[in-house]
Amino acid sequence: MTVKKENGEWILRNQEESMYVAKEDCRIMEIMEQGICENNEMIRCLVERNGTDEVVAGFLLAQFMVDYMDFIGVSQENSLIDP
């Protein structure tokens, strides 16, 4: 899978298809572009950029993961939280 920014829009591509990233998720893509991939650090960046609290930022990140898991090849049947 590749991630590319074209004409101000983020695009996820795998071998068969492409998917545009929703505008509300662009801040998360920009954070990842900076090489920040650790959840707590991503949440801190979202708090700073969105002016929200950590709970809201955590939910934004969780929703991002759910929205794109199928496309990036992670089954939604797997738990996000280890029991």
PDB file of N, CA and C in Angstrom:
ATOM      1  N   MET A   1       0.832  -1.165   0.000  1.00  0.00           N
ATOM      2  CA  MET A   1       0.000   0.000   0.000  1.00  0.00           C
ATOM      3  C   MET A   1       0.887   1.241   0.000  1.00  0.00           C
ATOM      4  N   THR A   2       0.430   2.272  -0.691  1.00  0.00           N
ATOM      5  CA  THR A   2       1.128   3.544  -0.710  1.00  0.00           C
ATOM      6  C   THR A   2       0.169   4.654  -0.307  1.00  0.00           C
ATOM      7  N   VAL A   3       0.751   5.725   0.168  1.00  0.00           N
ATOM      8  CA  VAL A   3      -0.005   6.922   0.526  1.00  0.00           C
ATOM      9  C   VAL A   3       0.607   8.071  -0.252  1.00  0.00           C
ATOM     10  N   LYS A   4      -0.244   8.864  -0.880  1.00  0.00           N
ATOM     11  CA  LYS A   4       0.253   9.955  -1.708  1.00  0.00           C
ATOM     12  C   LYS A   4      -0.649  11.162  -1.536  1.00  0.00           C
ATOM     13  N   LYS A   5      -0.052  12.331  -1.621  1.00  0.00           N
ATOM     14  CA  LYS A   5      -0.826  13.561  -1.574  1.00  0.00           C
ATOM     15  C   LYS A   5      -0.812  14.173  -2.964  1.00  0.00           C
ATOM     16  N   GLU A   6      -1.999  14.311  -3.541  1.00  0.00           N
ATOM     17  CA  GLU A   6      -2.138  14.891  -4.879  1.00  0.00           C
ATOM     18  C   GLU A   6      -3.170  16.007  -4.834  1.00  0.00           C
ATOM     19  N   ASN A   7      -2.779  17.151  -5.342  1.00  0.00           N
ATOM     20  CA  ASN A   7      -3.693  18.299  -5.412  1.00  0.00           C
ATOM     21  C   ASN A   7      -4.344  18.592  -4.066  1.00  0.00           C
ATOM     22  N   GLY A   8      -3.577  18.457  -2.994  1.00  0.00           N
ATOM     23  CA  GLY A   8      -4.069  18.754  -1.656  1.00  0.00           C
ATOM     24  C   GLY A   8      -4.922  17.668  -1.034  1.00  0.00           C
ATOM     25  N   GLU A   9      -5.071  16.530  -1.713  1.00  0.00           N
ATOM     26  CA  GLU A   9      -5.874  15.434  -1.173  1.00  0.00           C
ATOM     27  C   GLU A   9      -4.995  14.209  -0.944  1.00  0.00           C
ATOM     28  N   TRP A  10      -5.245  13.508   0.154  1.00  0.00           N
ATOM     29  CA  TRP A  10      -4.519  12.293   0.473  1.00  0.00           C
ATOM     30  C   TRP A  10      -5.214  11.109  -0.185  1.00  0.00           C
ATOM     31  N   ILE A  11      -4.412  10.226  -0.766  1.00  0.00           N
ATOM     32  CA  ILE A  11      -4.939   9.059  -1.456  1.00  0.00           C
ATOM     33  C   ILE A  11      -4.203   7.819  -0.956  1.00  0.00           C
ATOM     34  N   LEU A  12      -4.974   6.824  -0.540  1.00  0.00           N
ATOM     35  CA  LEU A  12      -4.427   5.522  -0.186  1.00  0.00           C
ATOM     36  C   LEU A  12      -4.554   4.645  -1.418  1.00  0.00           C
ATOM     37  N   ARG A  13      -3.492   3.918  -1.747  1.00  0.00           N
ATOM     38  CA  ARG A  13      -3.538   3.043  -2.920  1.00  0.00           C
ATOM     39  C   ARG A  13      -3.004   1.672  -2.550  1.00  0.00           C
ATOM     40  N   ASN A  14      -3.722   0.666  -3.009  1.00  0.00           N
ATOM     41  CA  ASN A  14      -3.169  -0.680  -2.949  1.00  0.00           C
ATOM     42  C   ASN A  14      -3.069  -1.179  -4.386  1.00  0.00           C
ATOM     43  N   GLN A  15      -2.860  -2.429  -4.578  1.00  0.00           N
ATOM     44  CA  GLN A  15      -2.635  -2.930  -5.938  1.00  0.00           C
ATOM     45  C   GLN A  15      -3.855  -2.791  -6.838  1.00  0.00           C
ATOM     46  N   GLU A  16      -5.058  -2.897  -6.267  1.00  0.00           N
ATOM     47  CA  GLU A  16      -6.252  -2.895  -7.094  1.00  0.00           C
ATOM     48  C   GLU A  16      -7.024  -1.588  -7.116  1.00  0.00           C
ATOM     49  N   GLU A  17      -6.944  -0.795  -6.052  1.00  0.00           N
ATOM     50  CA  GLU A  17      -7.826   0.357  -5.965  1.00  0.00           C
ATOM     51  C   GLU A  17      -7.195   1.526  -5.219  1.00  0.00           C
ATOM     52  N   SER A  18      -7.866   2.662  -5.311  1.00  0.00           N
ATOM     53  CA  SER A  18      -7.455   3.873  -4.609  1.00  0.00           C
ATOM     54  C   SER A  18      -8.613   4.350  -3.750  1.00  0.00           C
ATOM     55  N   MET A  19      -8.273   5.034  -2.669  1.00  0.00           N
ATOM     56  CA  MET A  19      -9.294   5.558  -1.771  1.00  0.00           C
ATOM     57  C   MET A  19      -8.845   6.929  -1.287  1.00  0.00           C
ATOM     58  N   TYR A  20      -9.725   7.933  -1.454  1.00  0.00           N
ATOM     59  CA  TYR A  20      -9.422   9.255  -0.952  1.00  0.00           C
ATOM     60  C   TYR A  20      -9.674   9.294   0.550  1.00  0.00           C
ATOM     61  N   VAL A  21      -8.796   9.963   1.252  1.00  0.00           N
ATOM     62  CA  VAL A  21      -8.945  10.138   2.693  1.00  0.00           C
ATOM     63  C   VAL A  21      -9.885  11.319   2.925  1.00  0.00           C
ATOM     64  N   ALA A  22     -10.844  11.140   3.836  1.00  0.00           N
ATOM     65  CA  ALA A  22     -11.808  12.193   4.144  1.00  0.00           C
ATOM     66  C   ALA A  22     -11.089  13.438   4.674  1.00  0.00           C
ATOM     67  N   LYS A  23     -11.623  14.597   4.358  1.00  0.00           N
ATOM     68  CA  LYS A  23     -10.989  15.858   4.755  1.00  0.00           C
ATOM     69  C   LYS A  23     -10.767  15.933   6.262  1.00  0.00           C
ATOM     70  N   GLU A  24     -11.722  15.402   7.047  1.00  0.00           N
ATOM     71  CA  GLU A  24     -11.574  15.464   8.506  1.00  0.00           C
ATOM     72  C   GLU A  24     -10.430  14.588   9.014  1.00  0.00           C
ATOM     73  N   ASP A  25      -9.910  13.703   8.165  1.00  0.00           N
ATOM     74  CA  ASP A  25      -8.798  12.840   8.554  1.00  0.00           C
ATOM     75  C   ASP A  25      -7.440  13.349   8.072  1.00  0.00           C
ATOM     76  N   CYS A  26      -7.431  14.453   7.355  1.00  0.00           N
ATOM     77  CA  CYS A  26      -6.176  14.964   6.786  1.00  0.00           C
ATOM     78  C   CYS A  26      -5.151  15.333   7.855  1.00  0.00           C
ATOM     79  N   ARG A  27      -5.606  15.842   8.994  1.00  0.00           N
ATOM     80  CA  ARG A  27      -4.641  16.177  10.061  1.00  0.00           C
ATOM     81  C   ARG A  27      -3.909  14.935  10.551  1.00  0.00           C
ATOM     82  N   ILE A  28      -4.610  13.832  10.632  1.00  0.00           N
ATOM     83  CA  ILE A  28      -3.966  12.581  11.049  1.00  0.00           C
ATOM     84  C   ILE A  28      -2.937  12.162  10.002  1.00  0.00           C
ATOM     85  N   MET A  29      -3.273  12.290   8.738  1.00  0.00           N
ATOM     86  CA  MET A  29      -2.327  11.953   7.676  1.00  0.00           C
ATOM     87  C   MET A  29      -1.095  12.853   7.743  1.00  0.00           C
ATOM     88  N   GLU A  30      -1.290  14.133   8.009  1.00  0.00           N
ATOM     89  CA  GLU A  30      -0.161  15.066   8.116  1.00  0.00           C
ATOM     90  C   GLU A  30       0.739  14.707   9.295  1.00  0.00           C
ATOM     91  N   ILE A  31       0.142  14.282  10.394  1.00  0.00           N
ATOM     92  CA  ILE A  31       0.921  13.858  11.559  1.00  0.00           C
ATOM     93  C   ILE A  31       1.751  12.628  11.197  1.00  0.00           C
ATOM     94  N   MET A  32       1.144  11.661  10.508  1.00  0.00           N
ATOM     95  CA  MET A  32       1.880  10.462  10.110  1.00  0.00           C
ATOM     96  C   MET A  32       2.966  10.799   9.102  1.00  0.00           C
ATOM     97  N   GLU A  33       2.714  11.778   8.241  1.00  0.00           N
ATOM     98  CA  GLU A  33       3.719  12.199   7.261  1.00  0.00           C
ATOM     99  C   GLU A  33       4.975  12.711   7.959  1.00  0.00           C
ATOM    100  N   GLN A  34       4.808  13.280   9.140  1.00  0.00           N
ATOM    101  CA  GLN A  34       5.943  13.776   9.918  1.00  0.00           C
ATOM    102  C   GLN A  34       6.692  12.650  10.623  1.00  0.00           C
ATOM    103  N   GLY A  35       6.214  11.413  10.448  1.00  0.00           N
ATOM    104  CA  GLY A  35       6.880  10.263  11.051  1.00  0.00           C
ATOM    105  C   GLY A  35       6.379   9.941  12.441  1.00  0.00           C
ATOM    106  N   ILE A  36       5.310  10.577  12.870  1.00  0.00           N
ATOM    107  CA  ILE A  36       4.745  10.322  14.191  1.00  0.00           C
ATOM    108  C   ILE A  36       3.717   9.209  14.037  1.00  0.00           C
ATOM    109  N   CYS A  37       3.972   8.074  14.674  1.00  0.00           N
ATOM    110  CA  CYS A  37       3.078   6.929  14.530  1.00  0.00           C
ATOM    111  C   CYS A  37       2.662   6.332  15.871  1.00  0.00           C
ATOM    112  N   GLU A  38       3.248   6.773  16.969  1.00  0.00           N
ATOM    113  CA  GLU A  38       2.906   6.271  18.296  1.00  0.00           C
ATOM    114  C   GLU A  38       1.606   6.928  18.742  1.00  0.00           C
ATOM    115  N   ASN A  39       0.655   6.144  19.213  1.00  0.00           N
ATOM    116  CA  ASN A  39      -0.688   6.635  19.518  1.00  0.00           C
ATOM    117  C   ASN A  39      -0.699   7.841  20.448  1.00  0.00           C
ATOM    118  N   ASN A  40       0.026   7.780  21.561  1.00  0.00           N
ATOM    119  CA  ASN A  40      -0.004   8.895  22.519  1.00  0.00           C
ATOM    120  C   ASN A  40       0.542  10.177  21.907  1.00  0.00           C
ATOM    121  N   GLU A  41       1.566  10.057  21.104  1.00  0.00           N
ATOM    122  CA  GLU A  41       2.139  11.232  20.442  1.00  0.00           C
ATOM    123  C   GLU A  41       1.181  11.782  19.390  1.00  0.00           C
ATOM    124  N   MET A  42       0.509  10.884  18.672  1.00  0.00           N
ATOM    125  CA  MET A  42      -0.478  11.327  17.683  1.00  0.00           C
ATOM    126  C   MET A  42      -1.633  12.063  18.378  1.00  0.00           C
ATOM    127  N   ILE A  43      -2.072  11.537  19.505  1.00  0.00           N
ATOM    128  CA  ILE A  43      -3.148  12.185  20.257  1.00  0.00           C
ATOM    129  C   ILE A  43      -2.706  13.564  20.723  1.00  0.00           C
ATOM    130  N   ARG A  44      -1.468  13.676  21.215  1.00  0.00           N
ATOM    131  CA  ARG A  44      -0.957  14.974  21.659  1.00  0.00           C
ATOM    132  C   ARG A  44      -0.962  15.976  20.509  1.00  0.00           C
ATOM    133  N   CYS A  45      -0.539  15.535  19.334  1.00  0.00           N
ATOM    134  CA  CYS A  45      -0.532  16.419  18.166  1.00  0.00           C
ATOM    135  C   CYS A  45      -1.941  16.823  17.765  1.00  0.00           C
ATOM    136  N   LEU A  46      -2.885  15.892  17.825  1.00  0.00           N
ATOM    137  CA  LEU A  46      -4.271  16.212  17.493  1.00  0.00           C
ATOM    138  C   LEU A  46      -4.854  17.224  18.477  1.00  0.00           C
ATOM    139  N   VAL A  47      -4.515  17.086  19.742  1.00  0.00           N
ATOM    140  CA  VAL A  47      -4.980  18.047  20.752  1.00  0.00           C
ATOM    141  C   VAL A  47      -4.474  19.436  20.399  1.00  0.00           C
ATOM    142  N   GLU A  48      -3.197  19.534  20.066  1.00  0.00           N
ATOM    143  CA  GLU A  48      -2.601  20.830  19.719  1.00  0.00           C
ATOM    144  C   GLU A  48      -3.212  21.411  18.443  1.00  0.00           C
ATOM    145  N   ARG A  49      -3.389  20.602  17.424  1.00  0.00           N
ATOM    146  CA  ARG A  49      -3.853  21.104  16.129  1.00  0.00           C
ATOM    147  C   ARG A  49      -5.355  21.363  16.094  1.00  0.00           C
ATOM    148  N   ASN A  50      -6.138  20.537  16.798  1.00  0.00           N
ATOM    149  CA  ASN A  50      -7.587  20.681  16.752  1.00  0.00           C
ATOM    150  C   ASN A  50      -8.139  21.532  17.887  1.00  0.00           C
ATOM    151  N   GLY A  51      -7.315  21.769  18.915  1.00  0.00           N
ATOM    152  CA  GLY A  51      -7.799  22.518  20.058  1.00  0.00           C
ATOM    153  C   GLY A  51      -8.843  21.754  20.858  1.00  0.00           C
ATOM    154  N   THR A  52      -8.730  20.421  20.865  1.00  0.00           N
ATOM    155  CA  THR A  52      -9.662  19.576  21.606  1.00  0.00           C
ATOM    156  C   THR A  52      -8.960  18.987  22.813  1.00  0.00           C
ATOM    157  N   ASP A  53      -9.646  18.124  23.538  1.00  0.00           N
ATOM    158  CA  ASP A  53      -8.997  17.440  24.651  1.00  0.00           C
ATOM    159  C   ASP A  53      -8.532  16.052  24.212  1.00  0.00           C
ATOM    160  N   GLU A  54      -7.841  15.350  25.112  1.00  0.00           N
ATOM    161  CA  GLU A  54      -7.263  14.054  24.766  1.00  0.00           C
ATOM    162  C   GLU A  54      -8.319  12.996  24.461  1.00  0.00           C
ATOM    163  N   VAL A  55      -9.460  13.068  25.124  1.00  0.00           N
ATOM    164  CA  VAL A  55     -10.514  12.075  24.887  1.00  0.00           C
ATOM    165  C   VAL A  55     -11.052  12.206  23.459  1.00  0.00           C
ATOM    166  N   VAL A  56     -11.360  13.431  23.058  1.00  0.00           N
ATOM    167  CA  VAL A  56     -11.872  13.660  21.708  1.00  0.00           C
ATOM    168  C   VAL A  56     -10.824  13.257  20.676  1.00  0.00           C
ATOM    169  N   ALA A  57      -9.573  13.625  20.908  1.00  0.00           N
ATOM    170  CA  ALA A  57      -8.493  13.269  19.979  1.00  0.00           C
ATOM    171  C   ALA A  57      -8.336  11.757  19.888  1.00  0.00           C
ATOM    172  N   GLY A  58      -8.471  11.053  21.011  1.00  0.00           N
ATOM    173  CA  GLY A  58      -8.388   9.598  21.011  1.00  0.00           C
ATOM    174  C   GLY A  58      -9.495   8.964  20.197  1.00  0.00           C
ATOM    175  N   PHE A  59     -10.712   9.514  20.339  1.00  0.00           N
ATOM    176  CA  PHE A  59     -11.826   8.997  19.540  1.00  0.00           C
ATOM    177  C   PHE A  59     -11.643   9.291  18.058  1.00  0.00           C
ATOM    178  N   LEU A  60     -11.093  10.452  17.720  1.00  0.00           N
ATOM    179  CA  LEU A  60     -10.823  10.766  16.311  1.00  0.00           C
ATOM    180  C   LEU A  60      -9.839   9.766  15.715  1.00  0.00           C
ATOM    181  N   LEU A  61      -8.801   9.457  16.472  1.00  0.00           N
ATOM    182  CA  LEU A  61      -7.800   8.499  15.998  1.00  0.00           C
ATOM    183  C   LEU A  61      -8.399   7.093  15.880  1.00  0.00           C
ATOM    184  N   ALA A  62      -9.208   6.700  16.856  1.00  0.00           N
ATOM    185  CA  ALA A  62      -9.850   5.381  16.794  1.00  0.00           C
ATOM    186  C   ALA A  62     -10.787   5.286  15.596  1.00  0.00           C
ATOM    187  N   GLN A  63     -11.561   6.334  15.331  1.00  0.00           N
ATOM    188  CA  GLN A  63     -12.474   6.323  14.191  1.00  0.00           C
ATOM    189  C   GLN A  63     -11.703   6.252  12.880  1.00  0.00           C
ATOM    190  N   PHE A  64     -10.576   6.965  12.813  1.00  0.00           N
ATOM    191  CA  PHE A  64      -9.709   6.916  11.640  1.00  0.00           C
ATOM    192  C   PHE A  64      -9.277   5.475  11.374  1.00  0.00           C
ATOM    193  N   MET A  65      -8.853   4.794  12.428  1.00  0.00           N
ATOM    194  CA  MET A  65      -8.395   3.415  12.278  1.00  0.00           C
ATOM    195  C   MET A  65      -9.522   2.517  11.784  1.00  0.00           C
ATOM    196  N   VAL A  66     -10.709   2.662  12.357  1.00  0.00           N
ATOM    197  CA  VAL A  66     -11.849   1.848  11.951  1.00  0.00           C
ATOM    198  C   VAL A  66     -12.219   2.126  10.492  1.00  0.00           C
ATOM    199  N   ASP A  67     -12.217   3.407  10.120  1.00  0.00           N
ATOM    200  CA  ASP A  67     -12.612   3.788   8.759  1.00  0.00           C
ATOM    201  C   ASP A  67     -11.698   3.206   7.679  1.00  0.00           C
ATOM    202  N   TYR A  68     -10.423   3.027   7.988  1.00  0.00           N
ATOM    203  CA  TYR A  68      -9.466   2.625   6.958  1.00  0.00           C
ATOM    204  C   TYR A  68      -8.891   1.224   7.141  1.00  0.00           C
ATOM    205  N   MET A  69      -9.308   0.504   8.195  1.00  0.00           N
ATOM    206  CA  MET A  69      -8.744  -0.828   8.449  1.00  0.00           C
ATOM    207  C   MET A  69      -8.974  -1.797   7.303  1.00  0.00           C
ATOM    208  N   ASP A  70     -10.167  -1.853   6.777  1.00  0.00           N
ATOM    209  CA  ASP A  70     -10.431  -2.787   5.679  1.00  0.00           C
ATOM    210  C   ASP A  70      -9.566  -2.477   4.471  1.00  0.00           C
ATOM    211  N   PHE A  71      -9.414  -1.211   4.168  1.00  0.00           N
ATOM    212  CA  PHE A  71      -8.644  -0.838   2.984  1.00  0.00           C
ATOM    213  C   PHE A  71      -7.177  -1.201   3.137  1.00  0.00           C
ATOM    214  N   ILE A  72      -6.628  -0.988   4.328  1.00  0.00           N
ATOM    215  CA  ILE A  72      -5.201  -1.274   4.505  1.00  0.00           C
ATOM    216  C   ILE A  72      -4.935  -2.745   4.805  1.00  0.00           C
ATOM    217  N   GLY A  73      -6.007  -3.549   4.850  1.00  0.00           N
ATOM    218  CA  GLY A  73      -5.823  -4.989   4.967  1.00  0.00           C
ATOM    219  C   GLY A  73      -5.866  -5.529   6.373  1.00  0.00           C
ATOM    220  N   VAL A  74      -6.402  -4.789   7.314  1.00  0.00           N
ATOM    221  CA  VAL A  74      -6.543  -5.273   8.682  1.00  0.00           C
ATOM    222  C   VAL A  74      -8.004  -5.638   8.885  1.00  0.00           C
ATOM    223  N   SER A  75      -8.251  -6.837   9.271  1.00  0.00           N
ATOM    224  CA  SER A  75      -9.619  -7.284   9.472  1.00  0.00           C
ATOM    225  C   SER A  75     -10.234  -6.591  10.675  1.00  0.00           C
ATOM    226  N   GLN A  76     -11.466  -6.125  10.528  1.00  0.00           N
ATOM    227  CA  GLN A  76     -12.150  -5.504  11.645  1.00  0.00           C
ATOM    228  C   GLN A  76     -12.610  -6.536  12.661  1.00  0.00           C
ATOM    229  N   GLU A  77     -12.455  -7.800  12.346  1.00  0.00           N
ATOM    230  CA  GLU A  77     -12.796  -8.838  13.302  1.00  0.00           C
ATOM    231  C   GLU A  77     -11.765  -8.923  14.414  1.00  0.00           C
ATOM    232  N   ASN A  78     -10.552  -8.424  14.155  1.00  0.00           N
ATOM    233  CA  ASN A  78      -9.536  -8.408  15.184  1.00  0.00           C
ATOM    234  C   ASN A  78      -9.844  -7.316  16.181  1.00  0.00           C
ATOM    235  N   SER A  79      -9.571  -7.569  17.433  1.00  0.00           N
ATOM    236  CA  SER A  79      -9.842  -6.595  18.478  1.00  0.00           C
ATOM    237  C   SER A  79      -8.800  -5.486  18.444  1.00  0.00           C
ATOM    238  N   LEU A  80      -9.248  -4.252  18.668  1.00  0.00           N
ATOM    239  CA  LEU A  80      -8.314  -3.148  18.771  1.00  0.00           C
ATOM    240  C   LEU A  80      -7.608  -3.140  20.113  1.00  0.00           C
ATOM    241  N   ILE A  81      -8.222  -3.804  21.088  1.00  0.00           N
ATOM    242  CA  ILE A  81      -7.681  -3.838  22.438  1.00  0.00           C
ATOM    243  C   ILE A  81      -7.420  -5.294  22.800  1.00  0.00           C
ATOM    244  N   ASP A  82      -6.194  -5.588  23.226  1.00  0.00           N
ATOM    245  CA  ASP A  82      -5.873  -6.949  23.637  1.00  0.00           C
ATOM    246  C   ASP A  82      -6.614  -7.274  24.927  1.00  0.00           C
ATOM    247  N   PRO A  83      -7.271  -8.447  24.992  1.00  0.00           N
ATOM    248  CA  PRO A  83      -7.989  -8.816  26.222  1.00  0.00           C
ATOM    249  C   PRO A  83      -7.045  -9.099  27.363  1.00  0.00           C
TER     250      PRO A  83
END
